[in-house]
Amino acid sequence: MPTSARGEGRARRPLGISRPTAKIPSADEIWKWQNQLVHFGTRYTGSVGQTRYVDWLSEHFTAIPGFTLKRDRLTFNRWLARDYSLSITTPTVADPRSVPVTYYYPYSGKTPDVGVTGRLVDLGTYPPPAQCLSETGSTPEFWAPARGAIALVRTTLSTFSLGADQIATGGYGPGRSSAQAAADYETYAATLTNPAWQGIFNAIPLLDAKNAGVLGVVCAWTGMPDDEVVNQYNPFTTPYPSASGLATLDDDGCPALWVGDSTGSELAQSAATGEATATLVLTADITVGAATETLWGMLKGSGSTGENLIVNTHTDGPNATEENGGLGLLALAKHLVGLPTRNRDLYFVLVTGHFQLPQFTRTIPNPRPTVGNDATSVWMLDHPDIYQRAVTGITVEHLGCTMWMNDPVTGTYAATGGYEWGTTYTTQRGNVVNAVNAEQNAYLSAVAEVNQGGWPNFPTATVLPAATALYVGEGAPLYAAGLGTVSLIPMPTYLLQAGDAQHPEQLDLDKLDKNLMYGQILTFANAIETLDSTQASTL
């Protein structure tokens, strides 16, 4: 059971292995950093919040003795929402009635300040059950009835089986063997309902809607309470609905908003009269050539192996956990700089662009098959000599997550009282096949030692990509390039939520646990030391 995020818990020792020169920050200090991150606000790619976070990280990394920091400036076409709303007019109600909106659809489009107005047309569920006439895998015919109108579409329930795309190889849980923990994870991952899946696996094709002459789209969540779907920045993986896939000042795209399940049903009833009119407002600022930065740096190793380890994460995100991995990297750098020996050079990479992946991904040459190629790919191809000398990539994402789910009995969204699964890809290098997975062993040994030292890091599962080659998170490009990987990627239901309805300014800070966050950072510190001292031939 998680301790309070602000609770102290029982006495704990800082690391499983005592190292007098280690300078690991305390759990309290890292939690202060976490609160500072929340103070920056949402950190969408290229936003003021992300820029402030990057500057703060830069200041702290620069202060580490012996740490060499660099900043790569990148440009892209930025879209940032300013205001959004939805109202409806019916023959029985002359004045426009405000409709509750859960959030806007990122990079969908823009309207004038007064919005766009048209007849509300209910198109039913997307995707449609029948094969479309085009037989191209696209569905332009679906949108035709809403030409010159506002389209209402119901999304399919965001349920997905991670068990079909991951092979659980081990794990850790109190009183459970590694095999038992893996089996527990497989049961958990067999069927998951998570708002994130909607955008990742079943995004609404707004370009089709635009090409069909639709003025705007209202997307209705299904099967989840409003408290779960409110303020979900979803999707974050789709391009702007234009021929180029880029937001430009002269292209309005196809503005879209999200509403909750019950609101979607009410709108469908209004649309059924054929006389309901909707006004959709989504104002946004579009900046062509906007600047954003990737931070990266290095701690020189004391050995002469010519090899390195890459520790990476990203800096953009909507809330307290997505992405707080940079805080973990900062703590790790402060710790590792104090060790008497580092056999390999340690590169720390904090990339931008994770929340606008269509503009921040590149193809890794001769890739190991993988579904997923995140923003770290840009940095890798800008600095190919670094990743080509790397033996292992260590990815730190989404620290400290507790588990929140929709209670099927009460229909409410609430904490379960436990921690989110610490799903971690642990893969060997692409050009070696060893009987023992050293990456997995190093990580699970570190997990066990940290838990035994009194800091929580459970339940944990180590996984491999299955035949579908799905690899989620910023570890994917490192895996594609053939590196061994240790990549933490918990997937809480609030992963894309820009704060809840009650206290949006907290950005879901209350859903994180300080002690779990610290236990996960200690685990990485332990695992990195082990991997650094392991010969490349066994990785």
Protein backbone atom coordinates (compact mmCIF):
# COMPACT_ATOMS: atom_id res chain seq x y z
CA MET A 1 0.00 0.00 0.00
CA PRO A 2 1.41 3.42 -0.82
CA THR A 3 2.45 5.79 1.88
CA SER A 4 1.22 9.34 1.72
CA ALA A 5 3.01 11.49 -0.82
CA ARG A 6 3.81 13.82 2.05
CA GLY A 7 4.30 11.12 4.68
CA GLU A 8 7.71 10.19 6.02
CA GLY A 9 7.22 6.45 6.56
CA ARG A 10 9.72 4.42 8.60
CA ALA A 11 13.47 4.96 8.67
CA ARG A 12 15.23 3.95 5.49
CA ARG A 13 18.79 3.82 4.32
CA PRO A 14 19.50 5.77 1.14
CA LEU A 15 20.98 3.01 -1.03
CA GLY A 16 21.16 -0.74 -1.01
CA ILE A 17 24.95 -0.50 -1.44
CA SER A 18 26.75 1.92 0.86
CA ARG A 19 28.98 4.36 -1.04
CA PRO A 20 30.54 7.12 1.08
CA THR A 21 31.08 9.47 -1.85
CA ALA A 22 27.59 9.12 -3.30
CA LYS A 23 25.55 12.33 -3.29
CA ILE A 24 22.06 11.04 -3.90
CA PRO A 25 19.58 13.81 -3.01
CA SER A 26 17.06 13.01 -0.31
CA ALA A 27 13.47 12.05 -0.97
CA ASP A 28 12.38 15.38 0.51
CA GLU A 29 14.64 17.35 -1.82
CA ILE A 30 13.42 15.51 -4.90
CA TRP A 31 9.83 16.03 -3.78
CA LYS A 32 10.54 19.79 -3.61
CA TRP A 33 11.72 19.53 -7.20
CA GLN A 34 8.48 17.77 -8.05
CA ASN A 35 6.47 20.62 -6.58
CA GLN A 36 8.57 23.09 -8.56
CA LEU A 37 7.77 21.17 -11.74
CA VAL A 38 4.06 21.55 -11.01
CA HIS A 39 4.60 25.27 -10.44
CA PHE A 40 5.76 25.57 -14.06
CA GLY A 41 2.30 24.46 -15.20
CA THR A 42 1.56 22.35 -18.26
CA ARG A 43 4.65 21.85 -20.38
CA TYR A 44 3.39 21.22 -23.89
CA THR A 45 6.11 21.17 -26.52
CA GLY A 46 7.56 24.65 -26.99
CA SER A 47 5.31 26.23 -24.36
CA VAL A 48 6.33 28.70 -21.69
CA GLY A 49 5.96 26.01 -19.04
CA GLN A 50 8.32 23.64 -20.81
CA THR A 51 10.84 26.40 -21.46
CA ARG A 52 10.91 27.30 -17.76
CA TYR A 53 11.34 23.66 -16.81
CA VAL A 54 14.20 23.21 -19.27
CA ASP A 55 15.91 26.36 -18.00
CA TRP A 56 15.53 25.13 -14.41
CA LEU A 57 17.01 21.74 -15.30
CA SER A 58 19.84 23.42 -17.20
CA GLU A 59 20.74 25.52 -14.18
CA HIS A 60 20.84 22.48 -11.90
CA PHE A 61 22.79 20.23 -14.27
CA THR A 62 25.32 22.98 -14.91
CA ALA A 63 25.99 23.20 -11.17
CA ILE A 64 27.11 19.55 -11.01
CA PRO A 65 30.94 19.41 -10.93
CA GLY A 66 32.35 17.65 -13.97
CA PHE A 67 29.06 17.59 -15.84
CA THR A 68 29.22 18.93 -19.40
CA LEU A 69 25.83 20.26 -20.53
CA LYS A 70 24.69 21.15 -24.05
CA ARG A 71 21.45 22.47 -25.51
CA ASP A 72 20.21 21.56 -28.98
CA ARG A 73 17.85 24.16 -30.43
CA LEU A 74 15.11 22.73 -32.65
CA THR A 75 12.25 24.42 -34.51
CA PHE A 76 8.78 23.23 -35.39
CA ASN A 77 5.26 24.45 -36.18
CA ARG A 78 3.69 24.99 -32.75
CA TRP A 79 -0.03 24.91 -31.96
CA LEU A 80 -1.16 26.02 -28.50
CA ALA A 81 -4.82 26.34 -27.49
CA ARG A 82 -6.05 29.59 -25.96
CA ASP A 83 -9.77 29.11 -25.36
CA TYR A 84 -12.39 26.47 -26.07
CA SER A 85 -16.13 26.02 -25.51
CA LEU A 86 -19.23 24.42 -26.96
CA SER A 87 -22.83 25.64 -26.97
CA ILE A 88 -26.04 24.35 -28.51
CA THR A 89 -29.30 25.92 -29.63
CA THR A 90 -32.53 23.99 -30.13
CA PRO A 91 -36.04 25.09 -31.22
CA THR A 92 -37.28 24.74 -27.63
CA VAL A 93 -34.42 26.77 -26.15
CA ALA A 94 -33.81 30.04 -27.96
CA ASP A 95 -30.68 31.09 -26.07
CA PRO A 96 -27.49 29.06 -26.61
CA ARG A 97 -26.93 26.52 -23.85
CA SER A 98 -23.37 25.95 -22.69
CA VAL A 99 -22.23 22.33 -23.02
CA PRO A 100 -19.61 20.92 -20.61
CA VAL A 101 -16.38 20.11 -22.44
CA THR A 102 -13.73 17.80 -20.99
CA TYR A 103 -10.85 19.26 -23.08
CA TYR A 104 -9.78 20.24 -26.55
CA TYR A 105 -8.36 17.94 -29.22
CA PRO A 106 -4.64 18.92 -29.53
CA TYR A 107 -3.36 20.09 -32.90
CA SER A 108 -6.84 19.77 -34.40
CA GLY A 109 -7.42 23.26 -35.76
CA LYS A 110 -8.58 26.76 -34.86
CA THR A 111 -11.66 28.93 -35.04
CA PRO A 112 -12.33 32.67 -34.93
CA ASP A 113 -13.06 34.06 -31.48
CA VAL A 114 -16.80 33.62 -32.13
CA GLY A 115 -16.25 30.01 -33.17
CA VAL A 116 -17.86 28.08 -36.01
CA THR A 117 -21.59 27.38 -36.10
CA GLY A 118 -23.51 24.69 -37.91
CA ARG A 119 -26.18 22.04 -37.63
CA LEU A 120 -25.23 19.30 -35.18
CA VAL A 121 -25.09 15.95 -36.98
CA ASP A 122 -24.72 12.70 -35.05
CA LEU A 123 -22.54 10.31 -37.09
CA GLY A 124 -22.62 7.54 -34.50
CA THR A 125 -19.61 5.53 -33.37
CA TYR A 126 -16.17 5.83 -34.91
CA PRO A 127 -14.85 3.65 -36.41
CA PRO A 128 -18.01 2.62 -38.24
CA PRO A 129 -18.76 -1.11 -38.12
CA ALA A 130 -19.14 -1.49 -41.90
CA GLN A 131 -16.39 -1.46 -44.52
CA CYS A 132 -16.26 1.91 -46.26
CA LEU A 133 -16.54 2.17 -50.00
CA SER A 134 -13.03 3.46 -50.55
CA GLU A 135 -11.46 0.25 -49.18
CA THR A 136 -8.32 2.25 -48.46
CA GLY A 137 -8.33 1.85 -44.72
CA SER A 138 -9.60 5.43 -44.49
CA THR A 139 -13.21 6.45 -44.00
CA PRO A 140 -14.07 9.60 -45.97
CA GLU A 141 -17.64 8.40 -46.63
CA PHE A 142 -18.34 8.30 -42.91
CA TRP A 143 -18.13 12.09 -42.70
CA ALA A 144 -20.23 13.02 -45.75
CA PRO A 145 -23.56 13.58 -43.89
CA ALA A 146 -21.91 16.30 -41.79
CA ARG A 147 -20.69 18.41 -44.68
CA GLY A 148 -21.05 22.08 -43.71
CA ALA A 149 -22.04 21.03 -40.20
CA ILE A 150 -20.64 20.15 -36.76
CA ALA A 151 -20.13 16.39 -36.48
CA LEU A 152 -20.74 14.42 -33.28
CA VAL A 153 -18.90 11.11 -33.05
CA ARG A 154 -18.87 8.55 -30.26
CA THR A 155 -15.51 6.87 -29.68
CA THR A 156 -15.13 3.18 -28.97
CA LEU A 157 -14.24 2.21 -25.41
CA SER A 158 -10.52 2.76 -24.84
CA THR A 159 -9.77 -0.82 -23.88
CA PHE A 160 -6.59 -2.58 -25.00
CA SER A 161 -4.64 -5.69 -24.13
CA LEU A 162 -1.00 -4.98 -23.37
CA GLY A 163 -0.65 -8.71 -22.74
CA ALA A 164 -0.85 -9.32 -26.49
CA ASP A 165 2.04 -6.96 -27.15
CA GLN A 166 4.38 -7.63 -24.25
CA ILE A 167 6.01 -10.75 -22.88
CA ALA A 168 6.36 -10.61 -19.11
CA THR A 169 9.73 -12.16 -18.20
CA GLY A 170 9.90 -11.47 -14.48
CA GLY A 171 8.91 -9.10 -11.75
CA TYR A 172 8.81 -8.18 -8.12
CA GLY A 173 6.00 -8.06 -5.58
CA PRO A 174 5.89 -8.57 -1.82
CA GLY A 175 5.71 -12.28 -1.08
CA ARG A 176 5.79 -13.20 -4.78
CA SER A 177 8.46 -14.95 -6.78
CA SER A 178 9.67 -13.33 -9.99
CA ALA A 179 7.59 -15.78 -12.05
CA GLN A 180 4.51 -15.16 -9.90
CA ALA A 181 4.89 -11.40 -10.27
CA ALA A 182 5.16 -11.83 -14.06
CA ALA A 183 1.97 -13.91 -14.04
CA ASP A 184 0.24 -11.24 -11.94
CA TYR A 185 1.23 -8.63 -14.51
CA GLU A 186 -0.05 -10.72 -17.40
CA THR A 187 -3.41 -10.98 -15.67
CA TYR A 188 -3.46 -7.24 -15.08
CA ALA A 189 -2.39 -6.37 -18.63
CA ALA A 190 -4.80 -8.74 -20.38
CA THR A 191 -7.54 -6.09 -20.57
CA LEU A 192 -6.91 -2.46 -19.66
CA THR A 193 -9.19 0.53 -20.05
CA ASN A 194 -7.13 3.69 -20.31
CA PRO A 195 -7.95 7.04 -21.97
CA ALA A 196 -4.46 7.10 -23.48
CA TRP A 197 -5.29 4.19 -25.76
CA GLN A 198 -7.91 6.28 -27.58
CA GLY A 199 -5.34 8.58 -29.12
CA ILE A 200 -2.54 6.06 -29.49
CA PHE A 201 -4.50 3.25 -31.13
CA ASN A 202 -7.76 4.72 -32.41
CA ALA A 203 -7.40 8.44 -33.12
CA ILE A 204 -10.23 10.24 -34.92
CA PRO A 205 -9.11 11.00 -38.55
CA LEU A 206 -9.76 14.71 -38.61
CA LEU A 207 -8.17 15.17 -42.04
CA ASP A 208 -10.91 12.97 -43.50
CA ALA A 209 -13.49 15.12 -41.74
CA LYS A 210 -11.92 18.30 -43.04
CA ASN A 211 -11.72 16.97 -46.60
CA ALA A 212 -15.41 16.08 -46.37
CA GLY A 213 -16.24 19.70 -45.54
CA VAL A 214 -16.99 19.22 -41.84
CA LEU A 215 -16.74 22.50 -39.89
CA GLY A 216 -15.73 20.93 -36.59
CA VAL A 217 -15.97 17.72 -34.61
CA VAL A 218 -17.27 16.92 -31.13
CA CYS A 219 -15.70 13.67 -29.88
CA ALA A 220 -17.54 11.90 -27.06
CA TRP A 221 -15.76 9.54 -24.67
CA THR A 222 -17.56 6.29 -23.90
CA GLY A 223 -17.49 3.89 -20.98
CA MET A 224 -15.53 6.08 -18.57
CA PRO A 225 -16.70 8.64 -15.98
CA ASP A 226 -16.04 12.33 -16.55
CA ASP A 227 -13.56 12.45 -13.65
CA GLU A 228 -11.35 10.03 -15.58
CA VAL A 229 -11.46 11.73 -18.97
CA VAL A 230 -11.51 15.38 -17.91
CA ASN A 231 -8.52 17.45 -19.14
CA GLN A 232 -7.05 14.54 -21.09
CA TYR A 233 -4.55 15.94 -23.61
CA ASN A 234 -5.46 13.38 -26.23
CA PRO A 235 -4.18 12.43 -28.72
CA PHE A 236 -0.55 13.56 -28.64
CA THR A 237 0.64 11.42 -31.55
CA THR A 238 -1.34 12.82 -34.49
CA PRO A 239 -0.36 15.46 -37.07
CA TYR A 240 -2.30 18.61 -37.82
CA PRO A 241 -5.19 17.88 -40.22
CA SER A 242 -3.66 19.48 -43.28
CA ALA A 243 -2.04 18.18 -46.45
CA SER A 244 1.41 18.81 -44.98
CA GLY A 245 0.53 17.61 -41.49
CA LEU A 246 1.77 20.95 -40.14
CA ALA A 247 -0.16 23.77 -38.49
CA THR A 248 0.05 26.99 -40.51
CA LEU A 249 -1.56 30.39 -40.10
CA ASP A 250 -3.64 30.07 -43.26
CA ASP A 251 -5.04 26.61 -42.51
CA ASP A 252 -7.82 26.22 -39.93
CA GLY A 253 -7.50 22.44 -39.83
CA CYS A 254 -10.55 20.76 -38.33
CA PRO A 255 -11.18 22.11 -34.81
CA ALA A 256 -12.36 19.44 -32.38
CA LEU A 257 -13.36 19.15 -28.73
CA TRP A 258 -13.96 16.31 -26.28
CA VAL A 259 -17.08 15.77 -24.17
CA GLY A 260 -17.95 13.13 -21.59
CA ASP A 261 -20.08 10.04 -22.07
CA SER A 262 -23.36 11.39 -20.67
CA THR A 263 -22.90 14.70 -22.50
CA GLY A 264 -22.39 12.78 -25.73
CA SER A 265 -25.69 10.96 -25.19
CA GLU A 266 -27.50 14.24 -24.53
CA LEU A 267 -26.04 15.81 -27.67
CA ALA A 268 -27.11 12.78 -29.70
CA GLN A 269 -30.69 13.25 -28.52
CA SER A 270 -30.60 16.91 -29.53
CA ALA A 271 -29.08 16.08 -32.91
CA ALA A 272 -31.80 13.49 -33.55
CA THR A 273 -34.35 16.31 -33.88
CA GLY A 274 -32.49 17.56 -36.94
CA GLU A 275 -32.88 21.11 -35.66
CA ALA A 276 -30.04 21.49 -33.17
CA THR A 277 -27.30 24.01 -33.94
CA ALA A 278 -23.88 23.94 -32.28
CA THR A 279 -21.21 26.60 -31.91
CA LEU A 280 -17.70 25.26 -31.39
CA VAL A 281 -14.94 27.59 -30.18
CA LEU A 282 -11.29 26.59 -30.25
CA THR A 283 -8.93 29.52 -30.52
CA ALA A 284 -5.26 28.74 -30.82
CA ASP A 285 -1.90 30.37 -31.47
CA ILE A 286 0.10 28.92 -34.34
CA THR A 287 3.79 29.74 -34.61
CA VAL A 288 5.80 28.59 -37.60
CA GLY A 289 9.42 28.02 -36.70
CA ALA A 290 8.86 28.02 -32.93
CA ALA A 291 11.92 27.14 -30.87
CA THR A 292 12.30 24.33 -28.36
CA GLU A 293 15.36 22.69 -26.84
CA THR A 294 16.76 19.27 -26.00
CA LEU A 295 19.13 19.16 -23.02
CA TRP A 296 21.93 16.64 -22.94
CA GLY A 297 25.25 16.21 -21.25
CA MET A 298 27.93 13.81 -20.14
CA LEU A 299 29.85 12.54 -17.14
CA LYS A 300 33.21 11.31 -18.36
CA GLY A 301 34.08 7.75 -17.41
CA SER A 302 37.37 6.80 -15.82
CA GLY A 303 37.83 3.74 -18.00
CA SER A 304 39.09 3.41 -21.57
CA THR A 305 36.39 1.17 -23.01
CA GLY A 306 35.31 3.65 -25.70
CA GLU A 307 31.74 2.70 -24.75
CA ASN A 308 28.95 4.63 -23.10
CA LEU A 309 25.58 4.33 -21.43
CA ILE A 310 22.67 6.61 -22.36
CA VAL A 311 20.17 7.68 -19.70
CA ASN A 312 17.20 9.44 -21.25
CA THR A 313 13.73 10.91 -20.81
CA HIS A 314 11.72 13.85 -22.19
CA THR A 315 10.73 17.21 -20.72
CA ASP A 316 7.31 17.99 -22.21
CA GLY A 317 4.02 16.86 -20.73
CA PRO A 318 0.67 17.91 -19.25
CA ASN A 319 1.04 17.04 -15.57
CA ALA A 320 3.11 16.10 -12.53
CA THR A 321 4.15 12.66 -13.77
CA GLU A 322 4.31 13.21 -17.55
CA GLU A 323 7.17 14.08 -17.58
CA ASN A 324 9.00 14.06 -14.25
CA GLY A 325 11.76 11.76 -15.49
CA GLY A 326 14.08 14.76 -15.74
CA LEU A 327 14.01 15.02 -11.94
CA GLY A 328 15.15 11.42 -11.80
CA LEU A 329 18.00 12.10 -14.23
CA LEU A 330 19.10 15.11 -12.19
CA ALA A 331 19.17 13.04 -8.99
CA LEU A 332 21.07 10.25 -10.76
CA ALA A 333 23.67 12.65 -12.16
CA LYS A 334 24.23 14.16 -8.70
CA HIS A 335 24.74 10.66 -7.32
CA LEU A 336 26.86 9.18 -10.09
CA VAL A 337 29.28 12.11 -10.24
CA GLY A 338 30.36 11.24 -6.70
CA LEU A 339 31.28 7.62 -7.38
CA PRO A 340 35.00 6.84 -7.35
CA THR A 341 34.80 4.83 -10.58
CA ARG A 342 32.74 5.07 -13.75
CA ASN A 343 33.94 2.65 -16.40
CA ARG A 344 31.96 4.19 -19.25
CA ASP A 345 30.95 7.69 -20.28
CA LEU A 346 27.41 8.42 -19.04
CA TYR A 347 25.22 10.51 -21.35
CA PHE A 348 22.08 12.13 -19.97
CA VAL A 349 19.51 13.10 -22.61
CA LEU A 350 16.32 15.06 -21.93
CA VAL A 351 14.58 15.48 -25.27
CA THR A 352 11.82 17.76 -26.40
CA GLY A 353 9.07 16.82 -28.83
CA HIS A 354 7.42 13.85 -27.13
CA PHE A 355 4.11 15.72 -27.22
CA GLN A 356 4.31 16.50 -30.91
CA LEU A 357 5.83 13.28 -32.22
CA PRO A 358 4.80 13.80 -35.87
CA GLN A 359 7.37 16.61 -36.02
CA PHE A 360 9.97 15.02 -33.75
CA THR A 361 10.71 11.52 -35.02
CA ARG A 362 13.26 10.21 -37.47
CA THR A 363 13.92 6.76 -38.85
CA ILE A 364 16.77 4.87 -37.21
CA PRO A 365 19.07 3.35 -39.89
CA ASN A 366 18.85 -0.45 -40.11
CA PRO A 367 16.42 -0.56 -37.21
CA ARG A 368 15.57 -3.52 -35.06
CA PRO A 369 11.83 -4.04 -35.77
CA THR A 370 9.73 -1.94 -33.41
CA VAL A 371 6.40 -0.17 -33.33
CA GLY A 372 7.29 3.13 -31.72
CA ASN A 373 10.01 5.62 -32.58
CA ASP A 374 9.89 8.55 -30.22
CA ALA A 375 11.58 11.95 -30.00
CA THR A 376 14.92 10.58 -28.79
CA SER A 377 15.43 9.49 -32.42
CA VAL A 378 16.05 13.14 -33.38
CA TRP A 379 18.85 13.52 -30.86
CA MET A 380 20.34 10.15 -31.84
CA LEU A 381 20.60 11.02 -35.52
CA ASP A 382 21.97 14.48 -34.69
CA HIS A 383 24.72 12.75 -32.65
CA PRO A 384 25.12 9.30 -34.23
CA ASP A 385 28.62 8.72 -32.91
CA ILE A 386 27.27 8.70 -29.35
CA TYR A 387 24.53 6.12 -29.70
CA GLN A 388 26.70 3.96 -31.96
CA ARG A 389 29.17 3.60 -29.07
CA ALA A 390 26.47 2.92 -26.51
CA VAL A 391 25.83 -0.56 -25.13
CA THR A 392 22.75 0.13 -23.02
CA GLY A 393 19.99 2.73 -22.82
CA ILE A 394 18.27 3.48 -19.52
CA THR A 395 14.95 5.31 -19.82
CA VAL A 396 13.27 6.99 -16.85
CA GLU A 397 9.62 7.97 -17.26
CA HIS A 398 6.53 8.53 -15.09
CA LEU A 399 7.96 8.28 -11.60
CA GLY A 400 5.88 7.73 -8.45
CA CYS A 401 2.54 6.72 -9.96
CA THR A 402 -0.21 5.34 -7.77
CA MET A 403 -3.04 3.39 -9.37
CA TRP A 404 -6.39 5.01 -10.16
CA MET A 405 -9.15 3.14 -11.93
CA ASN A 406 -12.84 3.23 -12.73
CA ASP A 407 -14.64 1.16 -10.08
CA PRO A 408 -17.02 -1.10 -12.05
CA VAL A 409 -19.36 -1.39 -9.07
CA THR A 410 -19.79 2.28 -8.21
CA GLY A 411 -18.90 3.72 -11.61
CA THR A 412 -16.60 6.23 -9.96
CA TYR A 413 -12.97 7.05 -10.68
CA ALA A 414 -10.84 6.60 -7.58
CA ALA A 415 -7.53 5.43 -6.13
CA THR A 416 -7.22 1.68 -5.66
CA GLY A 417 -4.89 2.08 -2.69
CA GLY A 418 -1.95 0.53 -4.52
CA TYR A 419 0.91 1.56 -6.75
CA GLU A 420 0.78 1.53 -10.55
CA TRP A 421 2.67 -1.36 -12.16
CA GLY A 422 6.28 -0.38 -12.83
CA THR A 423 6.36 -1.90 -16.30
CA THR A 424 9.98 -1.98 -17.51
CA TYR A 425 11.36 -3.14 -20.84
CA THR A 426 14.60 -5.03 -20.18
CA THR A 427 16.11 -6.14 -23.49
CA GLN A 428 19.49 -7.42 -24.63
CA ARG A 429 21.44 -5.85 -27.45
CA GLY A 430 20.24 -6.64 -30.94
CA ASN A 431 23.41 -8.36 -32.11
CA VAL A 432 23.90 -10.70 -29.13
CA VAL A 433 21.99 -13.61 -27.69
CA ASN A 434 23.09 -14.46 -24.17
CA ALA A 435 21.57 -17.18 -22.07
CA VAL A 436 21.21 -14.67 -19.24
CA ASN A 437 19.50 -11.33 -19.71
CA ALA A 438 21.95 -9.12 -17.82
CA GLU A 439 19.76 -6.02 -18.19
CA GLN A 440 16.83 -7.81 -16.58
CA ASN A 441 18.97 -9.29 -13.81
CA ALA A 442 20.58 -5.94 -13.01
CA TYR A 443 17.21 -4.22 -12.79
CA LEU A 444 15.34 -6.86 -10.78
CA SER A 445 18.28 -7.23 -8.39
CA ALA A 446 18.20 -3.48 -7.86
CA VAL A 447 14.43 -3.55 -7.34
CA ALA A 448 14.74 -6.28 -4.71
CA GLU A 449 17.59 -4.54 -2.90
CA VAL A 450 15.79 -1.21 -2.76
CA ASN A 451 12.61 -2.81 -1.43
CA GLN A 452 14.62 -4.71 1.16
CA GLY A 453 16.25 -1.41 2.14
CA GLY A 454 12.84 -0.05 3.09
CA TRP A 455 11.96 2.01 0.01
CA PRO A 456 9.02 0.81 -2.13
CA ASN A 457 9.28 -0.13 -5.79
CA PHE A 458 6.49 -2.59 -6.47
CA PRO A 459 4.69 -4.12 -8.21
CA THR A 460 7.30 -4.31 -10.95
CA ALA A 461 7.26 -6.31 -14.18
CA THR A 462 10.05 -6.74 -16.71
CA VAL A 463 8.80 -7.19 -20.27
CA LEU A 464 9.97 -7.78 -23.83
CA PRO A 465 8.20 -6.63 -27.00
CA ALA A 466 6.04 -9.43 -28.39
CA ALA A 467 5.65 -10.37 -32.07
CA THR A 468 3.89 -7.06 -32.72
CA ALA A 469 7.16 -5.31 -31.71
CA LEU A 470 5.28 -2.69 -29.69
CA TYR A 471 7.70 -0.68 -27.54
CA VAL A 472 6.13 2.20 -25.64
CA GLY A 473 8.07 5.30 -24.61
CA GLU A 474 11.34 7.09 -25.25
CA GLY A 475 13.31 3.85 -24.93
CA ALA A 476 11.93 2.71 -28.29
CA PRO A 477 14.53 4.49 -30.50
CA LEU A 478 17.37 3.08 -28.37
CA TYR A 479 15.91 -0.40 -28.72
CA ALA A 480 15.44 0.12 -32.47
CA ALA A 481 19.12 1.06 -32.75
CA GLY A 482 20.10 -2.28 -31.23
CA LEU A 483 21.01 -1.17 -27.72
CA GLY A 484 20.21 -3.16 -24.66
CA THR A 485 17.54 -1.30 -22.71
CA VAL A 486 16.13 -0.80 -19.24
CA SER A 487 13.07 1.36 -19.82
CA LEU A 488 10.55 2.21 -17.09
CA ILE A 489 7.16 3.10 -18.56
CA PRO A 490 4.20 2.93 -16.13
CA MET A 491 0.88 3.73 -17.83
CA PRO A 492 -1.55 5.22 -15.27
CA THR A 493 -5.01 6.23 -16.43
CA TYR A 494 -4.18 9.88 -15.66
CA LEU A 495 -1.01 9.84 -17.76
CA LEU A 496 -2.30 12.48 -20.19
CA GLN A 497 -4.52 14.38 -17.76
CA ALA A 498 -3.74 18.06 -17.23
CA GLY A 499 -5.06 17.94 -13.67
CA ASP A 500 -8.40 16.78 -12.33
CA ALA A 501 -11.63 18.78 -12.25
CA GLN A 502 -11.42 19.58 -8.53
CA HIS A 503 -7.84 20.91 -8.37
CA PRO A 504 -6.54 21.28 -11.92
CA GLU A 505 -3.67 23.50 -10.77
CA GLN A 506 -2.11 20.51 -8.95
CA LEU A 507 -1.70 18.68 -12.27
CA ASP A 508 -2.43 15.35 -10.49
CA LEU A 509 0.39 15.79 -7.97
CA ASP A 510 -1.89 14.12 -5.42
CA LYS A 511 -1.76 10.92 -7.47
CA LEU A 512 2.01 10.57 -7.01
CA ASP A 513 3.83 8.99 -4.07
CA LYS A 514 7.07 10.54 -2.84
CA ASN A 515 8.51 7.31 -1.45
CA LEU A 516 7.73 5.25 -4.55
CA MET A 517 9.35 7.94 -6.69
CA TYR A 518 12.46 7.77 -4.54
CA GLY A 519 12.52 3.98 -4.58
CA GLN A 520 12.42 4.00 -8.37
CA ILE A 521 15.28 6.50 -8.58
CA LEU A 522 17.37 4.43 -6.15
CA THR A 523 16.67 1.38 -8.28
CA PHE A 524 18.07 3.12 -11.35
CA ALA A 525 21.13 4.28 -9.42
CA ASN A 526 21.83 0.71 -8.36
CA ALA A 527 21.13 -0.76 -11.82
CA ILE A 528 23.29 1.81 -13.63
CA GLU A 529 26.25 1.04 -11.37
CA THR A 530 25.83 -2.67 -12.11
CA LEU A 531 25.45 -2.20 -15.86
CA ASP A 532 28.43 0.15 -15.98
CA SER A 533 30.63 -2.52 -14.43
CA THR A 534 29.32 -5.33 -16.69
CA GLN A 535 31.34 -6.31 -19.76
CA ALA A 536 29.67 -5.46 -23.04
CA SER A 537 29.89 -9.06 -24.25
CA THR A 538 27.45 -10.12 -21.53
CA LEU A 539 24.96 -7.30 -22.08
